[in-house]
């Protein structure tokens, strides 16, 4: 398949977007691991442990979707085919959905704070501060995924509207215009026949 070229966004820009997405994804996975160790270390007290919705759903681990999107974007920058551009568009749309859901869950976590055992208060407070940091990283991921999704969609629609049409066969000849030598021979033979007649 012929390479697909991005008129709206250069290959270098796509590489940068992919690298930033991978870095954001790795950051989120490390934060998930930190929160896992932090919340597992809680001791069960009278008021219980702090287990927010972001911890139960593993929101920070969803950074794997950002890593996959970044890898696909880097592949698109190196080998831009229509199939890879569609795949990158799909993974970035999935990243947008993931980011919005994770931001909503983080907002729910930060808007409420239930009583916890005094032994777990420090861990709960630290976990909430880490969630605030994650909340600031979601707009960056959303902006990157949205940027590529919009430009990728525009490029796909422009490329499909500019697709070449099938060659039309010449009148009075069985040869198609895709074979210029055969067309020239057929035209020469037709002229000779016309001159004789």
N, C-alpha and C. Protein backbone atom coordinates (compact mmCIF):
# COMPACT_ATOMS: atom_id res chain seq x y z
N UNK A 1 0.85 -1.18 0.00
CA UNK A 1 0.00 0.00 0.00
C UNK A 1 0.89 1.23 0.00
N UNK A 2 0.52 2.24 -0.72
CA UNK A 2 1.30 3.47 -0.82
C UNK A 2 1.28 4.21 0.51
N UNK A 3 2.39 4.90 0.84
CA UNK A 3 2.41 5.64 2.10
C UNK A 3 1.40 6.77 2.12
N UNK A 4 0.86 6.98 3.29
CA UNK A 4 -0.14 8.03 3.51
C UNK A 4 0.59 9.23 4.09
N UNK A 5 0.42 10.39 3.54
CA UNK A 5 1.13 11.57 4.01
C UNK A 5 0.15 12.47 4.76
N UNK A 6 0.61 13.03 5.87
CA UNK A 6 -0.20 13.97 6.65
C UNK A 6 0.02 15.38 6.15
N UNK A 7 -0.95 15.99 5.48
CA UNK A 7 -0.76 17.37 5.09
C UNK A 7 -0.86 18.33 6.27
N UNK A 8 -1.59 17.99 7.32
CA UNK A 8 -1.83 18.91 8.43
C UNK A 8 -0.76 18.83 9.52
N UNK A 9 -0.13 17.69 9.68
CA UNK A 9 0.80 17.49 10.79
C UNK A 9 2.02 16.73 10.27
N UNK A 10 3.21 17.20 10.60
CA UNK A 10 4.43 16.59 10.06
C UNK A 10 4.78 15.31 10.83
N UNK A 11 5.66 14.52 10.24
CA UNK A 11 6.09 13.27 10.87
C UNK A 11 6.84 13.55 12.17
N UNK A 12 7.61 14.64 12.21
CA UNK A 12 8.33 14.99 13.43
C UNK A 12 7.36 15.34 14.56
N UNK A 13 6.29 16.05 14.22
CA UNK A 13 5.28 16.39 15.24
C UNK A 13 4.56 15.15 15.75
N UNK A 14 4.29 14.21 14.84
CA UNK A 14 3.64 12.96 15.25
C UNK A 14 4.56 12.17 16.18
N UNK A 15 5.88 12.17 15.87
CA UNK A 15 6.85 11.50 16.76
C UNK A 15 6.85 12.13 18.14
N UNK A 16 6.82 13.45 18.20
CA UNK A 16 6.82 14.14 19.50
C UNK A 16 5.55 13.82 20.28
N UNK A 17 4.39 13.85 19.60
CA UNK A 17 3.13 13.52 20.28
C UNK A 17 3.16 12.10 20.82
N UNK A 18 3.68 11.16 20.02
CA UNK A 18 3.76 9.78 20.47
C UNK A 18 4.69 9.61 21.66
N UNK A 19 5.84 10.29 21.63
CA UNK A 19 6.79 10.19 22.75
C UNK A 19 6.19 10.77 24.03
N UNK A 20 5.49 11.89 23.91
CA UNK A 20 4.87 12.50 25.10
C UNK A 20 3.78 11.57 25.65
N UNK A 21 3.01 10.94 24.76
CA UNK A 21 1.98 10.01 25.24
C UNK A 21 2.61 8.83 25.97
N UNK A 22 3.71 8.31 25.46
CA UNK A 22 4.38 7.19 26.14
C UNK A 22 4.88 7.62 27.51
N UNK A 23 5.47 8.81 27.59
CA UNK A 23 5.97 9.30 28.88
C UNK A 23 4.83 9.50 29.89
N UNK A 24 3.72 10.07 29.43
CA UNK A 24 2.57 10.24 30.33
C UNK A 24 2.06 8.88 30.80
N UNK A 25 1.99 7.92 29.88
CA UNK A 25 1.52 6.57 30.25
C UNK A 25 2.43 5.91 31.27
N UNK A 26 3.75 6.01 31.07
CA UNK A 26 4.70 5.43 32.03
C UNK A 26 4.57 6.11 33.38
N UNK A 27 4.41 7.43 33.38
CA UNK A 27 4.22 8.17 34.63
C UNK A 27 2.98 7.67 35.37
N UNK A 28 1.88 7.44 34.65
CA UNK A 28 0.65 6.98 35.28
C UNK A 28 0.81 5.56 35.84
N UNK A 29 1.52 4.70 35.13
CA UNK A 29 1.72 3.33 35.62
C UNK A 29 2.57 3.35 36.89
N UNK A 30 3.62 4.18 36.93
CA UNK A 30 4.43 4.28 38.15
C UNK A 30 3.62 4.85 39.30
N UNK A 31 2.75 5.82 39.03
CA UNK A 31 1.89 6.38 40.08
C UNK A 31 0.93 5.31 40.60
N UNK A 32 0.40 4.49 39.68
CA UNK A 32 -0.49 3.40 40.11
C UNK A 32 0.24 2.46 41.06
N UNK A 33 1.48 2.12 40.71
CA UNK A 33 2.26 1.22 41.57
C UNK A 33 2.51 1.86 42.93
N UNK A 34 2.81 3.16 42.95
CA UNK A 34 3.03 3.87 44.21
C UNK A 34 1.76 3.85 45.06
N UNK A 35 0.60 4.13 44.44
CA UNK A 35 -0.66 4.12 45.18
C UNK A 35 -1.01 2.72 45.68
N UNK A 36 -0.68 1.71 44.89
CA UNK A 36 -0.94 0.33 45.30
C UNK A 36 -0.16 0.01 46.58
N UNK A 37 1.13 0.33 46.59
CA UNK A 37 1.96 0.09 47.78
C UNK A 37 1.46 0.93 48.96
N UNK A 38 1.07 2.18 48.66
CA UNK A 38 0.61 3.09 49.71
C UNK A 38 -0.66 2.57 50.38
N UNK A 39 -1.65 2.15 49.59
CA UNK A 39 -2.93 1.74 50.16
C UNK A 39 -2.91 0.33 50.71
N UNK A 40 -2.06 -0.52 50.17
CA UNK A 40 -1.96 -1.88 50.73
C UNK A 40 -1.35 -1.83 52.13
N UNK A 41 -0.48 -0.85 52.37
CA UNK A 41 0.18 -0.72 53.66
C UNK A 41 -0.70 -0.17 54.77
N UNK A 42 -1.96 0.09 54.52
CA UNK A 42 -2.85 0.62 55.56
C UNK A 42 -3.19 -0.47 56.58
N UNK A 43 -3.35 -0.03 57.81
CA UNK A 43 -3.77 -0.97 58.85
C UNK A 43 -5.25 -0.76 59.11
N UNK A 44 -5.94 -1.86 59.35
CA UNK A 44 -7.39 -1.78 59.58
C UNK A 44 -7.63 -1.26 60.99
N UNK A 45 -8.26 -0.09 61.05
CA UNK A 45 -8.55 0.52 62.34
C UNK A 45 -10.05 0.55 62.58
N UNK A 46 -10.46 1.36 63.56
CA UNK A 46 -11.87 1.46 63.90
C UNK A 46 -12.68 2.05 62.77
N UNK A 47 -12.13 3.06 62.12
CA UNK A 47 -12.86 3.72 61.04
C UNK A 47 -12.53 3.16 59.66
N UNK A 48 -11.73 2.14 59.59
CA UNK A 48 -11.45 1.49 58.32
C UNK A 48 -10.30 2.11 57.54
N UNK A 49 -10.18 1.66 56.30
CA UNK A 49 -9.09 2.12 55.44
C UNK A 49 -9.63 3.06 54.37
N UNK A 50 -8.70 3.77 53.75
CA UNK A 50 -9.06 4.70 52.68
C UNK A 50 -8.89 3.99 51.34
N UNK A 51 -10.00 3.72 50.66
CA UNK A 51 -9.96 3.06 49.36
C UNK A 51 -10.87 3.83 48.40
N UNK A 52 -10.34 4.85 47.73
CA UNK A 52 -11.17 5.67 46.83
C UNK A 52 -11.53 4.91 45.56
N UNK A 53 -12.43 5.49 44.80
CA UNK A 53 -12.90 4.86 43.56
C UNK A 53 -11.76 4.75 42.54
N UNK A 54 -10.82 5.69 42.58
CA UNK A 54 -9.71 5.63 41.63
C UNK A 54 -8.80 4.44 41.94
N UNK A 55 -8.68 4.10 43.20
CA UNK A 55 -7.87 2.94 43.59
C UNK A 55 -8.59 1.64 43.24
N UNK A 56 -9.89 1.59 43.49
CA UNK A 56 -10.65 0.36 43.21
C UNK A 56 -10.71 0.06 41.71
N UNK A 57 -10.81 1.11 40.89
CA UNK A 57 -10.89 0.89 39.44
C UNK A 57 -9.52 0.87 38.77
N UNK A 58 -8.48 1.24 39.49
CA UNK A 58 -7.14 1.26 38.90
C UNK A 58 -6.96 2.32 37.84
N UNK A 59 -7.50 3.50 38.08
CA UNK A 59 -7.47 4.59 37.08
C UNK A 59 -6.07 4.90 36.58
N UNK A 60 -5.10 4.94 37.48
CA UNK A 60 -3.75 5.28 37.05
C UNK A 60 -3.16 4.20 36.14
N UNK A 61 -3.60 2.97 36.32
CA UNK A 61 -3.11 1.87 35.46
C UNK A 61 -3.64 2.00 34.04
N UNK A 62 -4.67 2.80 33.85
CA UNK A 62 -5.19 3.02 32.50
C UNK A 62 -4.18 3.75 31.63
N UNK A 63 -3.08 4.18 32.23
CA UNK A 63 -2.00 4.79 31.46
C UNK A 63 -1.44 3.86 30.40
N UNK A 64 -1.72 2.58 30.51
CA UNK A 64 -1.31 1.62 29.47
C UNK A 64 -1.95 2.00 28.13
N UNK A 65 -3.16 2.53 28.16
CA UNK A 65 -3.81 2.98 26.92
C UNK A 65 -3.02 4.12 26.29
N UNK A 66 -2.44 5.01 27.11
CA UNK A 66 -1.63 6.11 26.59
C UNK A 66 -0.35 5.58 25.96
N UNK A 67 0.25 4.57 26.59
CA UNK A 67 1.47 3.97 26.05
C UNK A 67 1.19 3.34 24.69
N UNK A 68 0.09 2.61 24.59
CA UNK A 68 -0.26 1.97 23.31
C UNK A 68 -0.51 3.03 22.24
N UNK A 69 -1.22 4.10 22.59
CA UNK A 69 -1.47 5.18 21.63
C UNK A 69 -0.17 5.81 21.15
N UNK A 70 0.76 6.02 22.08
CA UNK A 70 2.05 6.60 21.72
C UNK A 70 2.86 5.72 20.80
N UNK A 71 2.86 4.41 21.07
CA UNK A 71 3.59 3.47 20.22
C UNK A 71 3.01 3.46 18.81
N UNK A 72 1.69 3.46 18.72
CA UNK A 72 1.04 3.46 17.40
C UNK A 72 1.35 4.77 16.66
N UNK A 73 1.37 5.89 17.37
CA UNK A 73 1.70 7.17 16.73
C UNK A 73 3.13 7.17 16.18
N UNK A 74 4.06 6.59 16.92
CA UNK A 74 5.44 6.52 16.44
C UNK A 74 5.53 5.64 15.20
N UNK A 75 4.77 4.56 15.19
CA UNK A 75 4.75 3.71 13.98
C UNK A 75 4.15 4.45 12.79
N UNK A 76 3.13 5.26 13.04
CA UNK A 76 2.52 6.05 11.96
C UNK A 76 3.53 7.06 11.41
N UNK A 77 4.33 7.67 12.30
CA UNK A 77 5.31 8.65 11.85
C UNK A 77 6.38 7.99 10.97
N UNK A 78 6.71 6.75 11.26
CA UNK A 78 7.76 6.06 10.48
C UNK A 78 7.22 5.40 9.22
N UNK A 79 6.04 4.80 9.30
CA UNK A 79 5.44 4.11 8.15
C UNK A 79 3.98 4.51 8.03
N UNK A 80 3.69 5.68 7.46
CA UNK A 80 2.31 6.16 7.41
C UNK A 80 1.47 5.45 6.35
N UNK A 81 0.71 4.46 6.76
CA UNK A 81 -0.24 3.81 5.87
C UNK A 81 -1.65 4.11 6.37
N UNK A 82 -2.61 3.91 5.50
CA UNK A 82 -4.00 4.19 5.88
C UNK A 82 -4.43 3.32 7.06
N UNK A 83 -4.01 2.06 7.05
CA UNK A 83 -4.39 1.14 8.13
C UNK A 83 -3.84 1.63 9.47
N UNK A 84 -2.57 2.05 9.50
CA UNK A 84 -1.97 2.52 10.76
C UNK A 84 -2.59 3.84 11.22
N UNK A 85 -2.95 4.71 10.29
CA UNK A 85 -3.58 5.97 10.67
C UNK A 85 -4.95 5.72 11.29
N UNK A 86 -5.70 4.78 10.74
CA UNK A 86 -7.00 4.41 11.32
C UNK A 86 -6.81 3.80 12.71
N UNK A 87 -5.79 2.96 12.84
CA UNK A 87 -5.50 2.34 14.15
C UNK A 87 -5.10 3.42 15.17
N UNK A 88 -4.27 4.37 14.75
CA UNK A 88 -3.87 5.47 15.65
C UNK A 88 -5.07 6.32 16.03
N UNK A 89 -5.96 6.55 15.08
CA UNK A 89 -7.17 7.32 15.36
C UNK A 89 -8.03 6.60 16.40
N UNK A 90 -8.17 5.28 16.25
CA UNK A 90 -8.99 4.50 17.19
C UNK A 90 -8.37 4.49 18.59
N UNK A 91 -7.04 4.29 18.68
CA UNK A 91 -6.40 4.26 20.00
C UNK A 91 -6.44 5.63 20.67
N UNK A 92 -6.35 6.69 19.89
CA UNK A 92 -6.43 8.03 20.49
C UNK A 92 -7.85 8.36 20.95
N UNK A 93 -8.85 7.91 20.22
CA UNK A 93 -10.22 8.10 20.68
C UNK A 93 -10.46 7.32 21.97
N UNK A 94 -9.91 6.11 22.04
CA UNK A 94 -10.01 5.33 23.28
C UNK A 94 -9.30 6.05 24.43
N UNK A 95 -8.14 6.66 24.14
CA UNK A 95 -7.42 7.42 25.17
C UNK A 95 -8.23 8.62 25.64
N UNK A 96 -8.94 9.27 24.73
CA UNK A 96 -9.79 10.41 25.11
C UNK A 96 -10.88 9.95 26.08
N UNK A 97 -11.53 8.84 25.75
CA UNK A 97 -12.59 8.31 26.62
C UNK A 97 -12.03 7.92 27.97
N UNK A 98 -10.88 7.24 27.96
CA UNK A 98 -10.22 6.82 29.20
C UNK A 98 -9.86 8.02 30.06
N UNK A 99 -9.34 9.05 29.44
CA UNK A 99 -8.93 10.26 30.18
C UNK A 99 -10.14 10.94 30.82
N UNK A 100 -11.23 11.05 30.08
CA UNK A 100 -12.42 11.71 30.63
C UNK A 100 -12.98 10.93 31.81
N UNK A 101 -13.07 9.61 31.66
CA UNK A 101 -13.60 8.78 32.76
C UNK A 101 -12.69 8.86 33.98
N UNK A 102 -11.37 8.80 33.76
CA UNK A 102 -10.43 8.87 34.89
C UNK A 102 -10.50 10.23 35.58
N UNK A 103 -10.67 11.30 34.81
CA UNK A 103 -10.78 12.63 35.41
C UNK A 103 -12.06 12.75 36.24
N UNK A 104 -13.15 12.15 35.75
CA UNK A 104 -14.41 12.16 36.51
C UNK A 104 -14.25 11.38 37.82
N UNK A 105 -13.64 10.20 37.75
CA UNK A 105 -13.41 9.41 38.97
C UNK A 105 -12.51 10.15 39.95
N UNK A 106 -11.48 10.82 39.46
CA UNK A 106 -10.59 11.56 40.34
C UNK A 106 -11.33 12.74 40.98
N UNK A 107 -12.18 13.40 40.21
CA UNK A 107 -12.99 14.48 40.76
C UNK A 107 -13.93 13.98 41.85
N UNK A 108 -14.52 12.80 41.64
CA UNK A 108 -15.39 12.21 42.67
C UNK A 108 -14.58 11.92 43.93
N UNK A 109 -13.36 11.38 43.74
CA UNK A 109 -12.52 11.07 44.90
C UNK A 109 -12.18 12.33 45.69
N UNK A 110 -11.81 13.39 44.99
CA UNK A 110 -11.36 14.61 45.67
C UNK A 110 -12.51 15.43 46.26
N UNK A 111 -13.74 15.17 45.79
CA UNK A 111 -14.87 15.95 46.31
C UNK A 111 -15.40 15.40 47.63
N UNK A 112 -15.11 14.15 47.93
CA UNK A 112 -15.58 13.56 49.19
C UNK A 112 -14.40 12.99 49.97
N UNK A 113 -14.52 13.01 51.29
CA UNK A 113 -13.48 12.41 52.14
C UNK A 113 -14.15 11.82 53.36
N UNK A 114 -14.20 10.49 53.40
CA UNK A 114 -14.82 9.81 54.53
C UNK A 114 -13.81 9.65 55.66
N UNK A 115 -14.31 9.50 56.85
CA UNK A 115 -13.44 9.33 58.00
C UNK A 115 -12.67 8.02 57.89
N UNK A 116 -11.39 8.09 58.22
CA UNK A 116 -10.55 6.89 58.25
C UNK A 116 -9.88 6.81 59.60
N UNK A 117 -9.29 5.68 59.88
CA UNK A 117 -8.57 5.51 61.13
C UNK A 117 -7.40 6.50 61.19
N UNK A 118 -7.07 6.98 62.37
CA UNK A 118 -6.00 7.97 62.49
C UNK A 118 -4.67 7.41 62.00
N UNK A 119 -4.52 6.08 62.05
CA UNK A 119 -3.28 5.46 61.55
C UNK A 119 -3.16 5.59 60.03
N UNK A 120 -4.30 5.65 59.36
CA UNK A 120 -4.30 5.69 57.90
C UNK A 120 -4.49 7.11 57.35
N UNK A 121 -4.61 8.10 58.24
CA UNK A 121 -4.90 9.44 57.77
C UNK A 121 -3.77 9.99 56.90
N UNK A 122 -2.53 9.76 57.29
CA UNK A 122 -1.38 10.25 56.51
C UNK A 122 -1.33 9.64 55.13
N UNK A 123 -1.61 8.33 55.04
CA UNK A 123 -1.60 7.67 53.74
C UNK A 123 -2.75 8.16 52.87
N UNK A 124 -3.91 8.39 53.49
CA UNK A 124 -5.05 8.90 52.73
C UNK A 124 -4.76 10.30 52.21
N UNK A 125 -4.16 11.14 53.05
CA UNK A 125 -3.84 12.51 52.64
C UNK A 125 -2.83 12.51 51.49
N UNK A 126 -1.80 11.66 51.58
CA UNK A 126 -0.79 11.56 50.51
C UNK A 126 -1.42 11.03 49.22
N UNK A 127 -2.29 10.04 49.36
CA UNK A 127 -2.97 9.50 48.18
C UNK A 127 -3.83 10.54 47.48
N UNK A 128 -4.48 11.39 48.24
CA UNK A 128 -5.30 12.45 47.65
C UNK A 128 -4.43 13.49 46.94
N UNK A 129 -3.25 13.78 47.49
CA UNK A 129 -2.35 14.73 46.83
C UNK A 129 -1.83 14.15 45.50
N UNK A 130 -1.56 12.85 45.48
CA UNK A 130 -1.13 12.20 44.24
C UNK A 130 -2.26 12.24 43.21
N UNK A 131 -3.49 12.07 43.66
CA UNK A 131 -4.63 12.16 42.75
C UNK A 131 -4.77 13.56 42.17
N UNK A 132 -4.44 14.59 42.97
CA UNK A 132 -4.47 15.96 42.45
C UNK A 132 -3.43 16.13 41.34
N UNK A 133 -2.26 15.54 41.52
CA UNK A 133 -1.22 15.61 40.49
C UNK A 133 -1.71 14.93 39.21
N UNK A 134 -2.34 13.76 39.37
CA UNK A 134 -2.87 13.05 38.20
C UNK A 134 -3.94 13.88 37.51
N UNK A 135 -4.74 14.59 38.29
CA UNK A 135 -5.81 15.41 37.71
C UNK A 135 -5.24 16.50 36.80
N UNK A 136 -4.03 16.99 37.11
CA UNK A 136 -3.40 18.00 36.27
C UNK A 136 -2.78 17.39 35.01
N UNK A 137 -2.49 16.08 35.03
CA UNK A 137 -1.89 15.46 33.84
C UNK A 137 -2.94 15.03 32.82
N UNK A 138 -4.19 14.90 33.24
CA UNK A 138 -5.24 14.46 32.32
C UNK A 138 -5.51 15.46 31.19
N UNK A 139 -5.53 16.78 31.45
CA UNK A 139 -5.75 17.71 30.33
C UNK A 139 -4.66 17.63 29.26
N UNK A 140 -3.41 17.37 29.68
CA UNK A 140 -2.33 17.24 28.70
C UNK A 140 -2.56 16.04 27.79
N UNK A 141 -2.90 14.91 28.38
CA UNK A 141 -3.18 13.71 27.58
C UNK A 141 -4.40 13.94 26.68
N UNK A 142 -5.41 14.59 27.22
CA UNK A 142 -6.61 14.87 26.42
C UNK A 142 -6.28 15.77 25.24
N UNK A 143 -5.44 16.79 25.46
CA UNK A 143 -5.07 17.70 24.38
C UNK A 143 -4.28 16.98 23.29
N UNK A 144 -3.35 16.11 23.68
CA UNK A 144 -2.55 15.38 22.69
C UNK A 144 -3.42 14.43 21.87
N UNK A 145 -4.24 13.65 22.56
CA UNK A 145 -5.09 12.68 21.85
C UNK A 145 -6.11 13.38 20.97
N UNK A 146 -6.65 14.49 21.45
CA UNK A 146 -7.64 15.24 20.66
C UNK A 146 -6.99 15.89 19.43
N UNK A 147 -5.78 16.41 19.60
CA UNK A 147 -5.06 17.02 18.48
C UNK A 147 -4.84 16.01 17.37
N UNK A 148 -4.32 14.84 17.74
CA UNK A 148 -4.08 13.85 16.68
C UNK A 148 -5.38 13.33 16.10
N UNK A 149 -6.39 13.14 16.92
CA UNK A 149 -7.66 12.61 16.41
C UNK A 149 -8.28 13.54 15.39
N UNK A 150 -8.26 14.84 15.68
CA UNK A 150 -8.85 15.80 14.74
C UNK A 150 -8.06 15.86 13.44
N UNK A 151 -6.73 16.01 13.55
CA UNK A 151 -5.91 16.10 12.33
C UNK A 151 -5.91 14.79 11.56
N UNK A 152 -5.88 13.67 12.28
CA UNK A 152 -5.92 12.37 11.59
C UNK A 152 -7.23 12.16 10.85
N UNK A 153 -8.33 12.58 11.44
CA UNK A 153 -9.63 12.44 10.77
C UNK A 153 -9.70 13.34 9.54
N UNK A 154 -9.23 14.58 9.68
CA UNK A 154 -9.24 15.50 8.53
C UNK A 154 -8.38 14.94 7.40
N UNK A 155 -7.21 14.40 7.75
CA UNK A 155 -6.32 13.83 6.72
C UNK A 155 -6.96 12.64 6.04
N UNK A 156 -7.62 11.78 6.81
CA UNK A 156 -8.26 10.61 6.21
C UNK A 156 -9.38 11.01 5.27
N UNK A 157 -10.18 11.99 5.66
CA UNK A 157 -11.28 12.40 4.78
C UNK A 157 -10.76 13.09 3.52
N UNK A 158 -9.67 13.87 3.65
CA UNK A 158 -9.10 14.51 2.47
C UNK A 158 -8.47 13.49 1.53
N UNK A 159 -7.77 12.50 2.10
CA UNK A 159 -7.14 11.48 1.26
C UNK A 159 -8.18 10.64 0.54
N UNK A 160 -9.29 10.32 1.22
CA UNK A 160 -10.31 9.49 0.58
C UNK A 160 -11.06 10.27 -0.50
N UNK A 161 -11.20 11.60 -0.33
CA UNK A 161 -11.87 12.39 -1.37
C UNK A 161 -10.97 12.63 -2.57
N UNK A 162 -9.65 12.55 -2.37
CA UNK A 162 -8.70 12.74 -3.47
C UNK A 162 -8.21 11.43 -4.05
N UNK A 163 -8.87 10.32 -3.74
CA UNK A 163 -8.44 9.01 -4.24
C UNK A 163 -8.57 8.96 -5.75
N UNK A 164 -7.57 8.35 -6.44
CA UNK A 164 -7.62 8.30 -7.90
C UNK A 164 -8.74 7.38 -8.37
N UNK A 165 -9.32 7.74 -9.52
CA UNK A 165 -10.40 6.92 -10.09
C UNK A 165 -9.80 5.84 -10.96
N UNK A 166 -10.59 4.84 -11.28
CA UNK A 166 -10.12 3.73 -12.11
C UNK A 166 -9.94 4.21 -13.54
N UNK A 167 -8.93 3.65 -14.26
CA UNK A 167 -8.70 4.09 -15.63
C UNK A 167 -9.87 3.72 -16.53
N UNK A 168 -10.19 4.62 -17.49
CA UNK A 168 -11.29 4.41 -18.42
C UNK A 168 -10.71 3.89 -19.72
N UNK A 169 -11.33 2.87 -20.28
CA UNK A 169 -10.81 2.32 -21.53
C UNK A 169 -11.13 3.25 -22.69
N UNK A 170 -10.22 3.29 -23.71
CA UNK A 170 -10.41 4.17 -24.85
C UNK A 170 -11.52 3.65 -25.74
N UNK A 171 -12.16 4.57 -26.47
CA UNK A 171 -13.27 4.20 -27.33
C UNK A 171 -12.75 3.50 -28.58
N UNK A 172 -13.38 2.40 -28.94
CA UNK A 172 -13.00 1.67 -30.13
C UNK A 172 -11.76 0.83 -29.97
N UNK A 173 -11.25 0.74 -28.76
CA UNK A 173 -10.06 -0.07 -28.52
C UNK A 173 -10.27 -0.87 -27.26
N UNK A 174 -9.71 -2.07 -27.24
CA UNK A 174 -9.86 -2.92 -26.06
C UNK A 174 -8.77 -2.64 -25.05
N UNK A 175 -7.83 -1.74 -25.34
CA UNK A 175 -6.73 -1.43 -24.44
C UNK A 175 -7.15 -0.34 -23.47
N UNK A 176 -6.64 -0.37 -22.25
CA UNK A 176 -6.95 0.67 -21.27
C UNK A 176 -5.85 1.71 -21.28
N UNK A 177 -6.14 2.85 -20.68
CA UNK A 177 -5.16 3.93 -20.65
C UNK A 177 -4.02 3.64 -19.69
N UNK A 178 -4.12 2.58 -18.91
CA UNK A 178 -3.04 2.27 -18.00
C UNK A 178 -1.85 1.65 -18.73
N UNK A 179 -2.02 1.22 -20.00
CA UNK A 179 -0.93 0.67 -20.80
C UNK A 179 -0.68 1.62 -21.98
N UNK A 180 0.21 2.60 -21.86
CA UNK A 180 0.38 3.60 -22.91
C UNK A 180 0.93 3.02 -24.22
N UNK A 181 1.81 2.03 -24.14
CA UNK A 181 2.37 1.45 -25.37
C UNK A 181 1.29 0.72 -26.18
N UNK A 182 0.43 -0.04 -25.46
CA UNK A 182 -0.65 -0.75 -26.15
C UNK A 182 -1.64 0.24 -26.75
N UNK A 183 -1.89 1.35 -26.04
CA UNK A 183 -2.80 2.37 -26.57
C UNK A 183 -2.20 3.01 -27.82
N UNK A 184 -0.90 3.29 -27.78
CA UNK A 184 -0.24 3.88 -28.94
C UNK A 184 -0.29 2.95 -30.15
N UNK A 185 -0.05 1.65 -29.91
CA UNK A 185 -0.10 0.67 -31.01
C UNK A 185 -1.51 0.57 -31.59
N UNK A 186 -2.52 0.56 -30.72
CA UNK A 186 -3.90 0.46 -31.19
C UNK A 186 -4.29 1.70 -31.99
N UNK A 187 -3.85 2.87 -31.52
CA UNK A 187 -4.15 4.11 -32.23
C UNK A 187 -3.46 4.15 -33.59
N UNK A 188 -2.20 3.70 -33.63
CA UNK A 188 -1.46 3.65 -34.90
C UNK A 188 -2.13 2.70 -35.89
N UNK A 189 -2.54 1.54 -35.40
CA UNK A 189 -3.22 0.56 -36.27
C UNK A 189 -4.54 1.12 -36.79
N UNK A 190 -5.28 1.84 -35.94
CA UNK A 190 -6.56 2.42 -36.36
C UNK A 190 -6.35 3.50 -37.41
N UNK A 191 -5.27 4.31 -37.27
CA UNK A 191 -4.98 5.34 -38.24
C UNK A 191 -4.61 4.74 -39.61
N UNK A 192 -3.81 3.67 -39.57
CA UNK A 192 -3.41 3.01 -40.83
C UNK A 192 -4.62 2.43 -41.52
N UNK A 193 -5.52 1.83 -40.78
CA UNK A 193 -6.73 1.25 -41.34
C UNK A 193 -7.60 2.36 -41.95
N UNK A 194 -7.67 3.50 -41.28
CA UNK A 194 -8.47 4.61 -41.75
C UNK A 194 -7.89 5.21 -43.05
N UNK A 195 -6.55 5.26 -43.14
CA UNK A 195 -5.90 5.80 -44.32
C UNK A 195 -6.10 4.90 -45.54
N UNK A 196 -6.08 3.60 -45.34
CA UNK A 196 -6.27 2.65 -46.42
C UNK A 196 -7.68 2.68 -46.95
N UNK A 197 -8.62 2.92 -46.05
CA UNK A 197 -10.03 2.87 -46.43
C UNK A 197 -10.48 4.12 -47.05
